[in-house]
N, C-alpha and C. Protein backbone atom coordinates (compact mmCIF):
# COMPACT_ATOMS: atom_id res chain seq x y z
N UNK A 1 134.84 76.07 43.03
CA UNK A 1 134.06 76.07 43.94
C UNK A 1 133.56 74.25 44.14
N UNK A 2 133.41 74.27 45.20
CA UNK A 2 133.19 72.37 45.61
C UNK A 2 131.64 72.00 45.04
N UNK A 3 131.44 70.99 44.80
CA UNK A 3 130.22 70.90 44.23
C UNK A 3 129.35 70.80 45.82
N UNK A 4 127.98 70.78 45.46
CA UNK A 4 127.22 70.86 46.48
C UNK A 4 127.09 69.48 47.17
N UNK A 5 127.54 68.37 46.24
CA UNK A 5 127.40 66.74 47.07
C UNK A 5 128.67 66.75 47.68
N UNK A 6 128.67 65.45 48.40
CA UNK A 6 129.75 64.93 48.99
C UNK A 6 130.25 65.82 50.11
N UNK A 7 131.14 65.51 50.77
CA UNK A 7 131.70 66.20 51.99
C UNK A 7 131.36 67.66 52.05
N UNK A 8 131.82 68.30 50.97
CA UNK A 8 131.41 69.78 50.85
C UNK A 8 129.79 70.05 50.83
N UNK A 9 129.15 69.28 50.28
CA UNK A 9 127.47 69.74 50.57
C UNK A 9 127.18 69.40 51.59
N UNK A 10 127.79 68.43 52.86
CA UNK A 10 127.76 68.38 53.91
C UNK A 10 127.60 69.28 54.74
N UNK A 11 128.87 70.03 54.71
CA UNK A 11 129.49 71.17 55.20
C UNK A 11 128.38 72.79 55.08
N UNK A 12 127.86 72.62 53.58
CA UNK A 12 126.82 73.58 53.10
C UNK A 12 125.56 73.42 53.91
N UNK A 13 125.18 72.57 53.86
CA UNK A 13 123.80 71.87 54.39
C UNK A 13 123.63 72.18 55.94
N UNK A 14 124.84 71.67 56.65
CA UNK A 14 124.98 72.21 58.31
C UNK A 14 124.81 73.54 58.39
N UNK A 15 125.60 74.62 57.68
CA UNK A 15 125.57 75.73 57.87
C UNK A 15 124.08 76.62 57.39
N UNK A 16 123.76 76.03 56.56
CA UNK A 16 122.06 76.43 56.22
C UNK A 16 120.95 76.24 57.16
N UNK A 17 121.52 75.21 57.91
CA UNK A 17 120.39 74.38 58.92
C UNK A 17 120.45 75.13 60.34
N UNK A 18 121.81 75.37 60.49
CA UNK A 18 122.17 76.47 61.82
C UNK A 18 121.57 77.80 61.45
N UNK A 19 121.77 78.30 60.52
CA UNK A 19 121.22 79.49 60.07
C UNK A 19 119.70 79.51 60.25
N UNK A 20 119.31 78.68 59.68
CA UNK A 20 117.58 78.62 59.61
C UNK A 20 117.05 78.30 61.30
N UNK A 21 118.03 77.59 61.98
CA UNK A 21 117.52 77.33 63.55
C UNK A 21 117.69 78.65 64.31
N UNK A 22 118.65 79.37 63.62
CA UNK A 22 118.77 80.49 64.43
C UNK A 22 117.64 81.59 64.11
N UNK A 23 117.01 81.83 62.88
CA UNK A 23 115.79 82.34 62.51
C UNK A 23 114.69 81.79 63.07
N UNK A 24 114.42 80.60 63.27
CA UNK A 24 113.56 79.99 64.07
C UNK A 24 113.42 80.54 65.42
N UNK A 25 114.72 80.45 66.06
CA UNK A 25 114.71 80.74 67.62
C UNK A 25 114.33 82.33 67.70
N UNK A 26 114.89 83.21 66.83
CA UNK A 26 114.69 84.63 66.70
C UNK A 26 112.59 85.04 66.72
N UNK A 27 112.31 84.27 65.37
CA UNK A 27 111.10 84.06 65.78
C UNK A 27 110.31 83.74 66.96
N UNK A 28 110.39 82.66 67.46
CA UNK A 28 109.65 82.04 68.37
C UNK A 28 110.18 83.18 69.60
N UNK A 29 111.03 83.50 69.93
CA UNK A 29 111.55 84.59 70.91
C UNK A 29 110.60 85.93 70.60
N UNK A 30 110.45 86.49 69.53
CA UNK A 30 109.94 87.56 69.31
C UNK A 30 108.06 87.36 69.64
N UNK A 31 107.66 86.41 69.14
CA UNK A 31 106.17 85.73 69.33
C UNK A 31 106.19 85.91 70.95
N UNK A 32 107.07 85.19 71.51
CA UNK A 32 107.00 85.04 73.05
C UNK A 32 106.89 86.39 73.88
N UNK A 33 107.80 87.39 73.15
CA UNK A 33 107.78 88.72 73.92
C UNK A 33 106.54 89.46 73.48
N UNK A 34 105.88 89.41 72.27
CA UNK A 34 104.78 90.00 71.85
C UNK A 34 103.58 89.36 72.93
N UNK A 35 103.43 88.15 73.28
CA UNK A 35 102.38 87.47 73.95
C UNK A 35 102.49 88.28 75.33
N UNK A 36 103.78 88.34 75.85
CA UNK A 36 104.26 88.90 77.28
C UNK A 36 103.36 90.05 77.23
N UNK A 37 104.08 91.09 76.42
CA UNK A 37 103.57 92.47 76.25
C UNK A 37 102.15 92.59 76.14
N UNK A 38 101.36 91.67 75.85
CA UNK A 38 99.85 91.75 75.60
C UNK A 38 99.10 91.26 76.79
N UNK A 39 100.05 90.21 77.42
CA UNK A 39 99.32 89.93 78.83
C UNK A 39 99.71 91.20 79.38
N UNK A 40 100.74 91.45 79.75
CA UNK A 40 100.87 92.69 80.87
C UNK A 40 99.90 93.81 80.48
N UNK A 41 99.66 94.47 79.45
CA UNK A 41 98.85 95.36 79.06
C UNK A 41 97.55 95.13 79.49
N UNK A 42 97.02 93.72 79.34
CA UNK A 42 95.76 93.57 79.49
C UNK A 42 95.64 93.46 80.89
N UNK A 43 96.34 92.93 81.65
CA UNK A 43 96.43 92.82 83.24
C UNK A 43 96.75 94.05 83.90
N UNK A 44 97.14 94.93 83.50
CA UNK A 44 97.70 96.36 84.03
C UNK A 44 96.77 96.56 84.86
N UNK A 45 95.53 97.23 84.31
CA UNK A 45 94.57 97.59 84.94
C UNK A 45 94.03 97.05 86.32
N UNK A 46 94.40 96.02 86.25
CA UNK A 46 93.91 94.83 87.34
C UNK A 46 94.75 94.93 88.32
N UNK A 47 96.11 95.15 88.19
CA UNK A 47 97.25 94.93 89.11
C UNK A 47 97.39 96.45 89.81
N UNK A 48 97.41 97.51 89.21
CA UNK A 48 97.66 98.97 90.03
C UNK A 48 96.40 99.73 89.65
N UNK A 49 95.78 100.39 90.72
CA UNK A 49 95.03 101.06 90.49
C UNK A 49 95.12 102.27 91.27
N UNK A 50 94.16 103.42 91.20
CA UNK A 50 94.07 104.25 92.47
C UNK A 50 92.60 104.64 92.85
N UNK A 51 92.08 105.38 93.65
CA UNK A 51 90.52 105.94 94.12
C UNK A 51 90.75 106.73 94.87
N UNK A 52 90.00 107.73 94.99
CA UNK A 52 89.87 108.85 95.66
C UNK A 52 88.74 109.49 96.24
N UNK A 53 88.86 109.58 97.55
CA UNK A 53 87.48 110.01 98.42
C UNK A 53 87.64 110.96 99.22
N UNK A 54 86.51 112.09 98.97
CA UNK A 54 86.53 113.44 99.73
C UNK A 54 86.78 112.78 101.29
N UNK A 55 86.91 113.65 102.13
CA UNK A 55 86.89 113.87 103.78
C UNK A 55 85.77 114.57 103.96
N UNK A 56 85.07 114.18 105.03
CA UNK A 56 84.23 115.05 105.23
C UNK A 56 84.74 116.66 105.73
N UNK A 57 84.01 117.35 105.61
CA UNK A 57 84.86 118.98 105.78
C UNK A 57 84.38 119.21 107.31
N UNK A 58 84.74 119.86 107.98
CA UNK A 58 84.97 120.46 109.19
C UNK A 58 85.08 121.63 109.54
N UNK A 59 84.16 122.56 109.32
CA UNK A 59 84.59 124.05 109.24
C UNK A 59 85.06 124.25 107.80
N UNK A 60 85.98 124.88 107.89
CA UNK A 60 86.95 125.37 106.56
C UNK A 60 87.64 124.18 106.15
N UNK A 61 88.09 123.01 106.71
CA UNK A 61 88.95 121.82 106.94
C UNK A 61 88.64 121.09 105.78
N UNK A 62 89.17 120.86 104.43
CA UNK A 62 88.51 119.99 103.74
C UNK A 62 89.43 119.15 103.31
N UNK A 63 89.52 118.23 102.56
CA UNK A 63 90.29 117.20 101.85
C UNK A 63 89.85 116.18 101.08
N UNK A 64 91.06 115.42 100.32
CA UNK A 64 90.77 114.35 99.71
C UNK A 64 91.70 113.07 99.95
N UNK A 65 91.14 112.17 100.10
CA UNK A 65 92.42 110.57 100.31
C UNK A 65 92.46 109.87 98.79
N UNK A 66 93.81 109.79 98.68
CA UNK A 66 93.66 109.08 97.27
C UNK A 66 94.78 107.67 97.81
N UNK A 67 93.97 106.53 97.35
CA UNK A 67 94.50 105.43 98.01
C UNK A 67 95.17 104.53 96.56
N UNK A 68 96.56 104.28 96.31
CA UNK A 68 97.27 103.24 95.42
C UNK A 68 97.39 102.19 95.46
N UNK A 69 96.75 101.57 94.62
CA UNK A 69 96.49 99.99 95.27
C UNK A 69 97.07 98.86 94.31
N UNK A 70 97.99 98.07 94.59
CA UNK A 70 98.58 96.96 93.91
C UNK A 70 98.50 95.86 94.56
N UNK A 71 98.09 94.88 93.65
CA UNK A 71 97.87 93.32 94.22
C UNK A 71 99.00 92.73 94.92
N UNK A 72 99.39 92.30 96.12
CA UNK A 72 100.66 91.55 96.75
C UNK A 72 100.46 90.26 96.44
N UNK A 73 99.48 89.49 96.89
CA UNK A 73 99.25 88.46 97.08
C UNK A 73 97.67 87.94 96.95
N UNK A 74 97.06 86.64 96.89
CA UNK A 74 95.60 86.57 96.94
C UNK A 74 95.08 86.83 98.30
N UNK A 75 94.15 87.89 98.35
CA UNK A 75 94.00 88.42 99.89
C UNK A 75 94.29 89.50 100.10
N UNK A 76 95.53 89.89 99.75
CA UNK A 76 96.34 90.89 100.18
C UNK A 76 96.48 92.22 98.98
N UNK A 77 96.57 93.15 99.44
CA UNK A 77 97.05 94.41 98.52
C UNK A 77 98.04 95.29 99.12
N UNK A 78 99.31 95.67 98.29
CA UNK A 78 99.79 97.10 99.05
C UNK A 78 99.26 98.10 98.51
N UNK A 79 99.10 99.24 99.71
CA UNK A 79 98.62 100.28 99.38
C UNK A 79 99.72 101.45 100.00
N UNK A 80 99.50 102.86 99.11
CA UNK A 80 100.37 103.95 99.48
C UNK A 80 98.80 105.05 99.56
N UNK A 81 99.06 105.58 100.57
CA UNK A 81 98.16 106.94 100.99
C UNK A 81 98.71 108.14 100.46
N UNK A 82 97.74 108.94 99.99
CA UNK A 82 98.48 110.28 100.44
C UNK A 82 96.85 110.89 99.94
N UNK A 83 97.02 112.11 100.85
CA UNK A 83 95.72 113.16 101.29
C UNK A 83 96.25 114.42 100.86
N UNK A 84 95.38 115.26 100.47
CA UNK A 84 95.57 116.47 100.25
C UNK A 84 94.54 117.35 101.15
N UNK A 85 94.90 118.09 102.04
CA UNK A 85 93.98 119.19 102.44
C UNK A 85 94.01 120.53 102.53
N UNK A 86 93.05 121.37 102.70
CA UNK A 86 93.15 122.88 102.56
C UNK A 86 92.07 123.24 103.91
N UNK A 87 92.58 124.48 104.19
CA UNK A 87 91.30 125.15 105.24
C UNK A 87 92.45 124.59 106.62
N UNK A 88 93.15 124.25 106.58
CA UNK A 88 93.91 123.60 107.97
C UNK A 88 94.43 124.71 108.87
N UNK A 89 95.03 124.70 109.94
CA UNK A 89 95.67 125.71 110.50
C UNK A 89 97.12 125.81 109.90
N UNK A 90 97.58 127.02 109.94
CA UNK A 90 99.37 127.02 109.10
C UNK A 90 100.26 126.19 109.95
N UNK A 91 101.04 125.98 109.11
CA UNK A 91 102.32 125.62 110.11
C UNK A 91 102.12 124.20 110.90
N UNK A 92 101.16 123.45 110.74
CA UNK A 92 100.77 122.25 111.79
C UNK A 92 100.47 121.08 111.09
N UNK A 93 101.19 120.03 111.81
CA UNK A 93 101.14 118.70 111.22
C UNK A 93 99.87 118.20 111.33
N UNK A 94 99.74 117.41 110.76
CA UNK A 94 98.35 116.96 110.31
C UNK A 94 98.57 115.16 109.99
N UNK A 95 97.60 114.26 110.57
CA UNK A 95 98.22 112.89 110.51
C UNK A 95 96.82 112.18 109.72
N UNK A 96 97.02 111.28 108.93
CA UNK A 96 95.89 110.26 108.74
C UNK A 96 96.39 108.68 109.66
N UNK A 97 95.65 108.79 110.49
CA UNK A 97 95.88 107.60 111.58
C UNK A 97 95.01 106.21 110.81
N UNK A 98 95.28 104.95 111.25
CA UNK A 98 94.22 104.12 110.69
C UNK A 98 94.37 103.00 111.70
N UNK A 99 93.45 102.20 111.74
CA UNK A 99 93.50 100.53 112.27
C UNK A 99 92.41 99.88 111.44
N UNK A 100 92.39 98.57 111.50
CA UNK A 100 91.43 97.92 110.90
C UNK A 100 89.88 97.75 112.23
N UNK A 101 89.01 97.60 111.64
CA UNK A 101 87.48 97.61 112.25
C UNK A 101 87.44 96.54 113.54
N UNK A 102 88.34 95.49 112.90
CA UNK A 102 88.05 94.20 113.96
C UNK A 102 88.87 94.75 115.35
N UNK A 103 90.10 95.27 115.10
CA UNK A 103 91.16 95.19 115.96
C UNK A 103 91.05 96.48 117.09
N UNK A 104 91.72 96.06 118.27
CA UNK A 104 91.42 97.25 119.38
C UNK A 104 93.13 97.62 119.46
N UNK A 105 94.00 97.09 118.71
CA UNK A 105 95.10 97.53 118.94
C UNK A 105 95.39 98.80 118.59
N UNK A 106 96.56 99.58 118.83
CA UNK A 106 96.73 100.97 118.78
C UNK A 106 96.83 101.58 117.48
N UNK A 107 96.40 102.62 117.10
CA UNK A 107 96.30 103.34 115.70
C UNK A 107 97.75 103.52 115.45
N UNK A 108 97.75 103.56 113.60
CA UNK A 108 98.98 103.60 113.40
C UNK A 108 99.09 105.23 112.42
N UNK A 109 100.16 105.70 112.18
CA UNK A 109 100.32 106.92 111.35
C UNK A 109 100.57 106.29 109.82
N UNK A 110 99.72 106.61 109.09
CA UNK A 110 99.67 106.06 107.48
C UNK A 110 100.11 107.16 106.78
N UNK A 111 99.65 108.26 106.96
CA UNK A 111 100.28 109.42 106.05
C UNK A 111 100.48 110.89 107.33
N UNK A 112 101.71 111.33 106.66
CA UNK A 112 101.55 113.00 107.66
C UNK A 112 102.05 113.78 106.50
N UNK A 113 101.88 115.08 107.22
CA UNK A 113 102.59 116.25 106.54
C UNK A 113 102.25 117.68 107.34
N UNK A 114 102.86 118.37 106.86
CA UNK A 114 102.71 120.01 107.76
C UNK A 114 102.32 120.73 106.60
N UNK A 115 100.95 121.68 107.24
CA UNK A 115 100.63 122.27 106.08
C UNK A 115 101.63 123.61 105.94
N UNK A 116 100.89 124.42 104.92
CA UNK A 116 101.88 125.69 104.52
C UNK A 116 101.37 126.72 105.01
N UNK A 117 101.73 128.32 104.48
CA UNK A 117 101.20 129.38 105.30
C UNK A 117 99.55 129.38 104.95
N UNK A 118 99.23 129.02 103.77
CA UNK A 118 97.93 129.03 103.65
C UNK A 118 96.82 127.83 104.15
N UNK A 119 97.77 126.97 105.01
CA UNK A 119 96.60 125.85 105.62
C UNK A 119 96.58 124.75 104.67
N UNK A 120 97.60 124.59 103.76
CA UNK A 120 97.01 123.57 102.81
C UNK A 120 98.45 122.31 102.82
N UNK A 121 98.58 121.08 102.46
CA UNK A 121 99.44 120.25 103.20
C UNK A 121 98.89 119.02 102.13
N UNK A 122 100.20 118.14 101.59
CA UNK A 122 99.81 116.95 101.35
C UNK A 122 100.17 116.15 102.07
N UNK A 123 99.67 115.08 102.44
CA UNK A 123 100.53 113.99 103.26
C UNK A 123 100.41 112.38 102.72
N UNK A 124 101.74 112.09 103.07
CA UNK A 124 101.88 110.82 102.55
C UNK A 124 102.65 109.74 103.29
N UNK A 125 102.94 109.02 103.04
CA UNK A 125 103.64 107.80 103.80
C UNK A 125 104.12 106.79 103.08
N UNK A 126 104.48 105.55 103.90
CA UNK A 126 104.93 104.33 103.42
C UNK A 126 103.86 103.56 102.63
N UNK A 127 104.25 102.62 102.07
CA UNK A 127 103.12 101.18 101.38
C UNK A 127 102.98 100.62 102.73
N UNK A 128 102.00 100.03 102.70
CA UNK A 128 101.37 99.13 103.58
C UNK A 128 100.94 97.69 102.85
N UNK A 129 100.80 96.64 103.41
CA UNK A 129 100.21 95.38 103.02
C UNK A 129 98.99 95.26 103.61
N UNK A 130 97.96 95.47 103.25
CA UNK A 130 96.68 95.13 103.96
C UNK A 130 95.91 93.83 103.25
N UNK A 131 95.02 93.39 104.23
CA UNK A 131 94.09 92.49 103.97
C UNK A 131 92.62 93.18 103.27
N UNK A 132 92.36 92.26 101.88
CA UNK A 132 91.10 92.82 101.29
C UNK A 132 90.02 92.60 101.82
N UNK A 133 89.77 91.69 103.11
CA UNK A 133 88.67 91.19 103.54
C UNK A 133 88.35 92.01 105.18
N UNK A 134 89.27 92.88 105.47
CA UNK A 134 89.19 93.58 106.75
C UNK A 134 88.77 95.15 106.18
N UNK A 135 87.57 95.26 107.16
CA UNK A 135 87.20 96.78 106.88
C UNK A 135 88.33 97.55 107.69
N UNK A 136 88.61 99.06 107.24
CA UNK A 136 89.86 99.82 108.00
C UNK A 136 88.99 101.03 108.11
N UNK A 137 89.69 102.23 109.24
CA UNK A 137 89.13 103.62 108.81
C UNK A 137 90.41 104.43 109.22
N UNK A 138 90.40 105.58 108.53
CA UNK A 138 91.46 106.63 108.47
C UNK A 138 90.73 107.61 108.99
N UNK A 139 91.45 108.42 109.95
CA UNK A 139 91.02 109.45 110.59
C UNK A 139 92.08 110.73 110.49
N UNK A 140 91.56 111.75 110.06
CA UNK A 140 92.73 113.00 109.84
C UNK A 140 92.50 113.56 111.18
N UNK A 141 93.81 113.39 111.99
CA UNK A 141 93.95 114.25 113.25
C UNK A 141 95.60 115.17 113.43
N UNK A 142 95.19 116.12 114.64
CA UNK A 142 96.06 117.32 114.45
C UNK A 142 95.97 117.42 116.22
N UNK A 143 97.21 117.88 116.49
CA UNK A 143 96.99 118.52 118.13
C UNK A 143 96.02 119.80 118.03
N UNK A 144 95.67 120.51 117.11
CA UNK A 144 94.97 121.72 117.02
C UNK A 144 93.82 121.48 116.66
N UNK A 145 93.15 119.66 116.43
CA UNK A 145 91.63 119.54 116.15
C UNK A 145 91.06 119.25 117.80
N UNK A 146 89.73 119.39 117.65
CA UNK A 146 89.29 119.18 118.76
C UNK A 146 89.53 117.46 119.61
N UNK A 147 90.01 117.32 120.62
CA UNK A 147 90.68 116.16 120.83
C UNK A 147 89.43 115.18 121.43
N UNK A 148 88.20 116.06 121.82
CA UNK A 148 87.35 115.13 122.09
C UNK A 148 86.35 114.69 120.93
N UNK A 149 86.69 115.13 119.93
CA UNK A 149 85.66 114.84 118.80
C UNK A 149 86.82 114.32 117.66
N UNK A 150 86.70 112.82 117.25
CA UNK A 150 87.70 112.66 116.08
C UNK A 150 87.49 114.09 114.68
N UNK A 151 88.72 113.75 114.26
CA UNK A 151 88.51 114.89 112.67
C UNK A 151 87.96 113.76 111.60
N UNK A 152 88.06 114.52 110.43
CA UNK A 152 87.15 114.10 109.44
C UNK A 152 87.71 112.58 109.13
N UNK A 153 86.65 111.48 108.84
CA UNK A 153 86.99 110.32 108.91
C UNK A 153 86.42 109.49 107.43
N UNK A 154 87.39 108.46 107.19
CA UNK A 154 86.74 107.53 105.85
C UNK A 154 86.83 106.05 106.27
N UNK A 155 86.04 105.29 105.85
CA UNK A 155 86.19 103.80 106.24
C UNK A 155 85.81 102.78 105.18
N UNK A 156 86.55 101.54 105.01
CA UNK A 156 85.64 100.54 104.02
C UNK A 156 86.86 99.42 103.75
N UNK A 157 86.73 99.20 102.58
CA UNK A 157 87.95 98.20 102.14
C UNK A 157 89.06 98.61 101.05
N UNK A 158 90.30 98.11 101.15
CA UNK A 158 91.15 98.34 100.16
C UNK A 158 91.18 97.14 99.31
N UNK A 159 91.17 97.83 98.04
CA UNK A 159 91.52 96.80 96.81
C UNK A 159 90.25 95.98 96.48
N UNK A 160 89.06 96.37 96.91
CA UNK A 160 87.79 95.93 96.48
C UNK A 160 86.65 96.91 96.57
N UNK A 161 85.46 96.60 96.03
CA UNK A 161 84.07 97.42 96.28
C UNK A 161 83.87 97.41 97.66
N UNK A 162 82.95 98.28 98.44
CA UNK A 162 82.71 99.67 97.61
C UNK A 162 83.86 100.57 97.88
N UNK A 163 84.91 100.05 98.54
CA UNK A 163 86.02 101.15 98.79
C UNK A 163 86.13 101.86 99.95
N UNK A 164 86.58 103.07 100.01
CA UNK A 164 86.45 104.29 101.10
C UNK A 164 85.33 104.89 100.86
N UNK A 165 84.53 105.19 101.89
CA UNK A 165 83.19 106.15 102.30
C UNK A 165 83.75 106.71 103.10
N UNK A 166 82.96 108.18 103.10
CA UNK A 166 83.33 109.40 104.20
C UNK A 166 82.14 108.62 105.39
N UNK A 167 82.66 109.12 106.47
CA UNK A 167 81.75 108.96 107.82
C UNK A 167 81.42 110.38 108.31
N UNK A 168 80.09 110.40 108.20
CA UNK A 168 79.44 111.70 108.84
C UNK A 168 79.91 111.81 110.25
N UNK A 169 79.77 113.03 110.40
CA UNK A 169 80.09 113.57 111.79
C UNK A 169 79.30 113.13 112.66
N UNK A 170 79.76 112.70 114.29
CA UNK A 170 79.03 112.15 115.01
C UNK A 170 79.07 110.63 115.18
N UNK A 171 79.71 109.93 113.83
CA UNK A 171 79.39 108.65 114.06
C UNK A 171 81.05 107.87 114.40
N UNK A 172 81.00 106.64 115.17
CA UNK A 172 82.63 106.31 115.30
C UNK A 172 82.81 105.43 114.40
N UNK A 173 84.05 105.32 113.94
CA UNK A 173 84.57 104.89 113.13
C UNK A 173 84.11 103.36 113.09
N UNK A 174 83.63 102.91 111.74
CA UNK A 174 83.08 101.26 111.19
C UNK A 174 81.79 101.16 111.97
N UNK A 175 81.44 102.00 112.46
CA UNK A 175 79.54 102.16 112.96
C UNK A 175 78.65 102.43 112.02
N UNK A 176 79.31 103.33 110.92
CA UNK A 176 78.20 103.63 110.08
C UNK A 176 78.07 102.66 109.03
C-alpha cells in the first residue's frame, strides 16, 4: 500500500477533499430546500384563499357564491367563482354576471350552470384577473327571473376586506 506522503498522499488528499466538497454541497442544498419549504408553507395562506357569501333569497331561490382568490401581482388577484343555488326553476340556465362599479361597460358572465330536476345547480366559470382596488358586483340572472328587477346580488372587493356582501332587494348594484 502506498504511503500517505509523497505523490500517493496527494491523490488520497484530493479524493478526500472531493468527497468532503460533495457532502458540503448536499448539506447546503438540503438546508436551502428546507428554507424554501418553510417559506412556501408560511406564505401559502396569504397566496391562496377562498370566501363564501350568501346570495339574498328571492322566494324559494337561495344560493351561495364562493370566490377562490390567488395573488397575481401587486394590486391584482386571479379569481375563480363558483356558486351553488337551490329553489330555482328546473332545467333552467342561471348566470352570475358582473361588472366593476366604476364601469359603464357591458356586464360579463363569470359563472353559469343549468339546474337539475330539483332546481339546484352549481355555477362555474373561468379564472379572471381583477383589481383589488375596484369594487365589483355579481348578479344572479336567468331568462325566467323577473327582467324588471335584478336577481340576487352581492358586491364588494376581491382579495381584500371586507370582501363581498349581499345587496338587499330594491337597491341597485354598488349603491348600497
